[in-house]
Amino acid sequence: MRRRRKFSLSILCFFLLAAPLFWHLGAGAAEAHVRWFVDSNATIDNFEAYQITDPAVLIWTGIAISLVAISIVLDSVLPEVRVVGSETRHDFIELLRILTGMSMLLTAYEGAIIAPHLIAYGAFGTKLVFLQAIIGVLLIANRFVRHAAILLIILHLGLTIQFGVLAAMEYLIMVGIAVFLLINNMPTAELRDRFKPFSVAILRILTGISLITLGLAEKLFGAILAESFLAANPWNFLPALGFEFFTNRLFALSAGFTEGVFGVILVLGSTTRLNVFALSVVLFSSNVLFIIEGNS
C-alpha cells in the first residue's frame, strides 16, 4: 500500500509538471484539423483565456486535488471488490471486441481515422481508412482477433504520422484496447495467464492518459474551441437550473477539469469502478444529446 501511494504521488507530480508541455501541444494542434466538432479557425467574440491565477482556476484546482485525494483515501478504506468470474470477463471481452469493430467500420465509412473529426487525406490516409475497415470486419467476425489487435496498433501509428503526436495521445485508449484484446487472445493458455493481469492495467492507464490529454488540449488550453462549440450548441444547461453565473467560459473550464480528474484517477487505479461508473454516466448523457440533436 505504501509503495502504491508513493507511485500515485509520483504520477500526480508528473501530471502537474507536464502541464506546460500539454499547453504548448494544445495550442499548436488547434490549427491542425477540426477539433471539438468546430473548424480549426473558429473564433468567438470577446474571447479571454483563463490565467492560472484566476479565482475559477484556483478553485477548480483545489476541487480536482481534493477529489483525487478522496479517491485515494476511499480506495484504502473501502472493502476490496472481488474479481469478476471468467464467464463475465469473457462476455466483457466479446462486447469490447464487437463494439470496437463497429466503431472501426462506422468511422471508416465516414472517411475518418478512429475519431469522426480526424478526416483522412491523401493516398496514405486512404490506405489507413481501408486498414481500419479490415480491422473492423475481423473484430466483428471474431476471426484473427490477435492479428486485428496488432493492426490496430499499426493504425494508431499511422494516425500519429498523419495527425501528429497530440491526436495520437488523445486516442491512446485505442492502443489500450488493442493490447487488451491481444493479451486475451494469446495462442496458448500459459501466455494468456502470464500477461492477463497486465491487460486491464494497460487499458486503464492508457484510457486515463487519453482523458487527461482531451481535457487539457480541447477544453482547458483549447478553450476557444470548446466555447465556440458551446456557442453553436446550447449544452450549458446550468443557467437554466438557476446558476446564472455559469457562463460558457466557466462550463468549458469545468468540463476540462472534470475530464482531467477522471483521467488522473484512472491512471492511479484508485476507486476504479466508481470512477468508471461516473464516467460512463457522463459519456452516455453526452451521446444521448448528440442523438437528440440529430448528430451521428
Protein backbone atom coordinates (compact mmCIF):
# COMPACT_ATOMS: atom_id res chain seq x y z
CA MET A 1 0.00 0.00 0.00
CA ARG A 2 2.82 2.42 0.86
CA ARG A 3 4.56 1.77 -2.46
CA ARG A 4 1.28 2.30 -4.27
CA ARG A 5 0.75 5.65 -2.54
CA LYS A 6 4.27 6.77 -3.45
CA PHE A 7 3.66 5.76 -7.04
CA SER A 8 0.35 7.64 -7.02
CA LEU A 9 2.01 10.81 -5.77
CA SER A 10 4.72 10.44 -8.41
CA ILE A 11 2.09 10.24 -11.16
CA LEU A 12 0.38 13.36 -9.79
CA CYS A 13 3.65 15.28 -9.68
CA PHE A 14 4.46 14.23 -13.24
CA PHE A 15 0.99 15.33 -14.36
CA LEU A 16 1.43 18.78 -12.82
CA LEU A 17 4.95 19.24 -14.18
CA ALA A 18 3.87 18.15 -17.68
CA ALA A 19 1.01 20.67 -17.85
CA PRO A 20 3.10 23.37 -19.66
CA LEU A 21 4.04 20.83 -22.33
CA PHE A 22 0.38 19.98 -22.89
CA TRP A 23 -0.33 23.73 -23.14
CA HIS A 24 2.22 24.03 -25.96
CA LEU A 25 0.94 20.94 -27.75
CA GLY A 26 -2.67 22.01 -27.36
CA ALA A 27 -2.06 25.47 -28.79
CA GLY A 28 -0.34 24.13 -31.88
CA ALA A 29 -2.76 21.28 -32.53
CA ALA A 30 -5.79 23.56 -32.76
CA GLU A 31 -4.64 24.58 -36.23
CA ALA A 32 -4.08 21.04 -37.48
CA HIS A 33 -7.64 19.80 -38.03
CA VAL A 34 -11.23 20.03 -36.87
CA ARG A 35 -11.45 19.62 -33.11
CA TRP A 36 -14.38 19.77 -30.71
CA PHE A 37 -16.60 19.48 -33.82
CA VAL A 38 -15.80 23.05 -34.83
CA ASP A 39 -13.50 24.47 -37.51
CA SER A 40 -9.85 24.80 -36.54
CA ASN A 41 -10.00 28.54 -37.29
CA ALA A 42 -13.02 29.10 -35.05
CA THR A 43 -13.19 32.42 -33.27
CA ILE A 44 -15.51 33.84 -30.65
CA ASP A 45 -16.25 37.43 -29.76
CA ASN A 46 -14.50 38.82 -26.67
CA PHE A 47 -12.69 35.54 -26.02
CA GLU A 48 -10.42 35.69 -23.00
CA ALA A 49 -8.33 32.74 -21.90
CA TYR A 50 -8.15 31.87 -18.22
CA GLN A 51 -4.95 32.57 -16.35
CA ILE A 52 -3.54 30.21 -13.73
CA THR A 53 -4.07 32.85 -11.04
CA ASP A 54 -7.77 33.42 -11.88
CA PRO A 55 -10.10 32.52 -8.96
CA ALA A 56 -12.07 30.00 -11.06
CA VAL A 57 -8.87 28.14 -12.00
CA LEU A 58 -7.62 28.12 -8.40
CA ILE A 59 -10.97 26.87 -7.11
CA TRP A 60 -11.14 24.09 -9.69
CA THR A 61 -7.52 23.14 -8.98
CA GLY A 62 -8.43 22.75 -5.31
CA ILE A 63 -11.53 20.72 -6.17
CA ALA A 64 -9.55 18.46 -8.52
CA ILE A 65 -6.79 17.79 -5.98
CA SER A 66 -9.42 17.13 -3.29
CA LEU A 67 -11.32 14.66 -5.48
CA VAL A 68 -8.15 12.74 -6.32
CA ALA A 69 -7.12 12.69 -2.63
CA ILE A 70 -10.59 11.47 -1.59
CA SER A 71 -10.37 8.72 -4.21
CA ILE A 72 -7.00 7.56 -2.84
CA VAL A 73 -8.30 7.58 0.75
CA LEU A 74 -11.53 5.74 -0.18
CA ASP A 75 -9.51 3.14 -2.05
CA SER A 76 -7.67 2.25 1.16
CA VAL A 77 -10.85 2.24 3.27
CA LEU A 78 -13.46 0.56 1.10
CA PRO A 79 -13.57 -3.26 1.08
CA GLU A 80 -11.80 -4.93 -1.80
CA VAL A 81 -14.22 -5.92 -4.54
CA ARG A 82 -13.84 -9.46 -5.81
CA VAL A 83 -12.65 -10.04 -9.33
CA VAL A 84 -15.42 -11.00 -11.75
CA GLY A 85 -15.73 -14.60 -12.84
CA SER A 86 -14.36 -15.98 -16.07
CA GLU A 87 -17.79 -16.03 -17.77
CA THR A 88 -18.43 -12.34 -17.03
CA ARG A 89 -14.91 -11.48 -18.14
CA HIS A 90 -15.43 -13.42 -21.37
CA ASP A 91 -18.70 -11.55 -22.04
CA PHE A 92 -16.97 -8.22 -21.46
CA ILE A 93 -14.15 -9.07 -23.87
CA GLU A 94 -16.68 -10.11 -26.51
CA LEU A 95 -18.66 -6.89 -26.06
CA LEU A 96 -15.48 -4.81 -26.29
CA ARG A 97 -14.44 -6.67 -29.44
CA ILE A 98 -17.78 -6.18 -31.19
CA LEU A 99 -18.22 -2.51 -30.23
CA THR A 100 -14.65 -1.69 -31.25
CA GLY A 101 -15.21 -3.41 -34.58
CA MET A 102 -18.43 -1.43 -35.14
CA SER A 103 -16.61 1.79 -34.30
CA MET A 104 -13.85 0.96 -36.79
CA LEU A 105 -16.34 0.26 -39.60
CA LEU A 106 -18.53 3.30 -38.97
CA THR A 107 -15.55 5.64 -38.77
CA ALA A 108 -14.05 4.16 -41.92
CA TYR A 109 -17.38 4.68 -43.70
CA GLU A 110 -17.13 8.39 -42.80
CA GLY A 111 -13.61 8.52 -44.24
CA ALA A 112 -12.08 9.25 -40.84
CA ILE A 113 -9.41 7.57 -38.71
CA ILE A 114 -10.54 6.32 -35.26
CA ALA A 115 -12.46 9.54 -34.46
CA PRO A 116 -15.07 11.32 -36.66
CA HIS A 117 -13.16 14.61 -36.75
CA LEU A 118 -9.89 13.01 -37.92
CA ILE A 119 -10.77 13.03 -41.62
CA ALA A 120 -8.19 11.11 -43.66
CA TYR A 121 -6.47 12.84 -46.55
CA GLY A 122 -4.08 11.83 -49.33
CA ALA A 123 -3.11 8.36 -50.50
CA PHE A 124 -1.68 7.45 -47.11
CA GLY A 125 -4.93 8.43 -45.39
CA THR A 126 -6.94 6.33 -47.84
CA LYS A 127 -4.78 3.29 -47.01
CA LEU A 128 -5.42 3.89 -43.31
CA VAL A 129 -9.18 4.00 -43.90
CA PHE A 130 -9.07 0.64 -45.72
CA LEU A 131 -6.87 -0.82 -42.97
CA GLN A 132 -9.38 0.39 -40.39
CA ALA A 133 -12.26 -1.24 -42.29
CA ILE A 134 -10.37 -4.54 -42.39
CA ILE A 135 -9.78 -4.36 -38.63
CA GLY A 136 -13.49 -3.72 -38.07
CA VAL A 137 -14.53 -6.71 -40.18
CA LEU A 138 -12.06 -9.04 -38.43
CA LEU A 139 -13.17 -7.95 -34.96
CA ILE A 140 -16.89 -8.27 -35.70
CA ALA A 141 -16.43 -11.63 -37.42
CA ASN A 142 -14.27 -12.84 -34.50
CA ARG A 143 -11.57 -14.01 -36.87
CA PHE A 144 -7.82 -13.41 -36.45
CA VAL A 145 -8.54 -11.16 -33.44
CA ARG A 146 -4.91 -11.23 -32.36
CA HIS A 147 -3.80 -10.05 -35.80
CA ALA A 148 -6.54 -7.40 -35.82
CA ALA A 149 -5.23 -6.08 -32.50
CA ILE A 150 -1.71 -5.77 -33.93
CA LEU A 151 -3.14 -3.99 -36.99
CA LEU A 152 -4.98 -1.60 -34.67
CA ILE A 153 -1.66 -0.60 -33.08
CA ILE A 154 -0.23 -0.06 -36.58
CA LEU A 155 -3.30 2.04 -37.43
CA HIS A 156 -2.62 4.21 -34.41
CA LEU A 157 0.97 4.71 -35.60
CA GLY A 158 -0.45 5.81 -38.94
CA LEU A 159 -2.73 8.25 -37.14
CA THR A 160 0.34 9.67 -35.40
CA ILE A 161 2.06 10.23 -38.75
CA GLN A 162 -0.97 11.88 -40.36
CA PHE A 163 -2.32 13.97 -37.46
CA GLY A 164 0.56 14.37 -35.01
CA VAL A 165 1.54 13.29 -31.51
CA LEU A 166 -1.22 15.17 -29.70
CA ALA A 167 -4.01 13.45 -31.67
CA ALA A 168 -2.30 10.12 -31.00
CA MET A 169 -2.21 10.80 -27.25
CA GLU A 170 -5.88 11.77 -27.27
CA TYR A 171 -6.70 8.31 -28.62
CA LEU A 172 -4.19 6.15 -26.75
CA ILE A 173 -7.28 4.34 -25.50
CA MET A 174 -7.29 2.51 -28.86
CA VAL A 175 -3.80 1.17 -28.13
CA GLY A 176 -5.07 0.08 -24.71
CA ILE A 177 -7.97 -1.78 -26.32
CA ALA A 178 -5.62 -3.36 -28.86
CA VAL A 179 -3.19 -4.59 -26.18
CA PHE A 180 -6.10 -5.84 -24.05
CA LEU A 181 -7.53 -7.87 -26.95
CA LEU A 182 -4.07 -9.06 -27.96
CA ILE A 183 -3.24 -10.40 -24.50
CA ASN A 184 -6.64 -12.07 -24.08
CA ASN A 185 -6.27 -13.80 -27.44
CA MET A 186 -2.77 -15.19 -26.98
CA PRO A 187 -2.23 -18.53 -28.75
CA THR A 188 -1.74 -20.53 -25.53
CA ALA A 189 -3.42 -20.53 -22.12
CA GLU A 190 0.00 -20.21 -20.48
CA LEU A 191 0.72 -16.93 -22.27
CA ARG A 192 -2.78 -15.61 -21.55
CA ASP A 193 -2.46 -16.38 -17.84
CA ARG A 194 1.01 -14.84 -17.65
CA PHE A 195 0.09 -11.49 -19.19
CA LYS A 196 -3.62 -11.26 -18.32
CA PRO A 197 -3.03 -9.28 -15.07
CA PHE A 198 -1.37 -6.54 -17.14
CA SER A 199 -4.14 -6.24 -19.74
CA VAL A 200 -6.63 -4.40 -17.52
CA ALA A 201 -3.95 -2.11 -16.05
CA ILE A 202 -2.69 -1.12 -19.52
CA LEU A 203 -6.22 -0.42 -20.74
CA ARG A 204 -6.98 1.60 -17.60
CA ILE A 205 -3.81 3.70 -17.71
CA LEU A 206 -3.93 4.48 -21.43
CA THR A 207 -7.62 5.40 -21.15
CA GLY A 208 -6.71 7.76 -18.31
CA ILE A 209 -3.96 9.39 -20.36
CA SER A 210 -6.43 9.87 -23.23
CA LEU A 211 -8.91 11.62 -20.93
CA ILE A 212 -6.23 13.86 -19.42
CA THR A 213 -4.99 14.86 -22.86
CA LEU A 214 -8.51 15.54 -24.15
CA GLY A 215 -9.35 17.63 -21.09
CA LEU A 216 -6.21 19.71 -21.39
CA ALA A 217 -5.93 20.13 -25.16
CA GLU A 218 -9.59 20.56 -26.11
CA LYS A 219 -11.18 22.23 -23.10
CA LEU A 220 -8.54 23.92 -20.95
CA PHE A 221 -5.75 25.01 -23.29
CA GLY A 222 -8.07 24.74 -26.31
CA ALA A 223 -10.83 26.70 -24.59
CA ILE A 224 -11.64 28.79 -27.68
CA LEU A 225 -12.73 25.61 -29.47
CA ALA A 226 -14.87 24.48 -26.55
CA GLU A 227 -16.51 27.89 -26.25
CA SER A 228 -17.14 28.01 -30.00
CA PHE A 229 -18.85 24.63 -29.75
CA LEU A 230 -21.00 25.78 -26.82
CA ALA A 231 -21.94 28.95 -28.69
CA ALA A 232 -23.31 26.81 -31.55
CA ASN A 233 -24.74 24.03 -29.35
CA PRO A 234 -26.64 25.02 -26.17
CA TRP A 235 -25.19 22.33 -23.94
CA ASN A 236 -24.57 24.64 -20.99
CA PHE A 237 -27.67 23.69 -19.00
CA LEU A 238 -26.60 25.20 -15.66
CA PRO A 239 -28.04 28.73 -16.18
CA ALA A 240 -31.44 27.08 -16.76
CA LEU A 241 -31.12 25.50 -13.30
CA GLY A 242 -30.60 28.89 -11.67
CA PHE A 243 -26.81 29.15 -11.86
CA GLU A 244 -26.73 32.33 -13.93
CA PHE A 245 -23.03 32.89 -13.24
CA PHE A 246 -22.14 29.64 -15.06
CA THR A 247 -21.08 31.05 -18.42
CA ASN A 248 -19.91 29.01 -21.41
CA ARG A 249 -16.38 30.02 -20.47
CA LEU A 250 -16.75 28.55 -16.98
CA PHE A 251 -18.59 25.50 -18.34
CA ALA A 252 -15.65 24.68 -20.67
CA LEU A 253 -13.21 25.10 -17.79
CA SER A 254 -15.30 22.83 -15.57
CA ALA A 255 -15.59 20.17 -18.29
CA GLY A 256 -11.82 20.17 -18.79
CA PHE A 257 -11.04 19.80 -15.10
CA THR A 258 -13.69 17.09 -14.69
CA GLU A 259 -12.28 15.08 -17.58
CA GLY A 260 -8.78 15.52 -16.17
CA VAL A 261 -9.89 14.25 -12.75
CA PHE A 262 -11.47 11.16 -14.32
CA GLY A 263 -8.22 10.53 -16.18
CA VAL A 264 -5.90 11.01 -13.20
CA ILE A 265 -7.97 8.67 -11.02
CA LEU A 266 -7.91 6.04 -13.78
CA VAL A 267 -4.12 6.31 -14.08
CA LEU A 268 -3.74 5.98 -10.30
CA GLY A 269 -6.10 3.00 -10.19
CA SER A 270 -7.98 4.14 -7.09
CA THR A 271 -11.77 3.55 -6.82
CA THR A 272 -11.64 2.46 -10.43
CA ARG A 273 -15.15 1.04 -10.64
CA LEU A 274 -16.79 4.08 -9.06
CA ASN A 275 -14.78 6.31 -11.40
CA VAL A 276 -15.72 4.30 -14.48
CA PHE A 277 -19.39 4.31 -13.45
CA ALA A 278 -19.41 8.11 -13.09
CA LEU A 279 -17.53 8.50 -16.38
CA SER A 280 -19.99 6.18 -18.13
CA VAL A 281 -22.92 8.32 -16.98
CA VAL A 282 -21.27 11.45 -18.39
CA LEU A 283 -20.38 9.80 -21.71
CA PHE A 284 -23.82 8.21 -22.08
CA SER A 285 -25.54 11.54 -21.41
CA SER A 286 -23.40 13.41 -23.95
CA ASN A 287 -24.05 10.77 -26.62
CA VAL A 288 -27.80 10.92 -25.96
CA LEU A 289 -27.61 14.69 -26.51
CA PHE A 290 -25.88 14.14 -29.85
CA ILE A 291 -28.62 11.70 -30.91
CA ILE A 292 -31.39 14.10 -29.81
CA GLU A 293 -29.79 16.87 -31.86
CA GLY A 294 -29.59 14.61 -34.88
CA ASN A 295 -25.80 14.38 -34.98
CA SER A 296 -24.44 10.94 -35.83
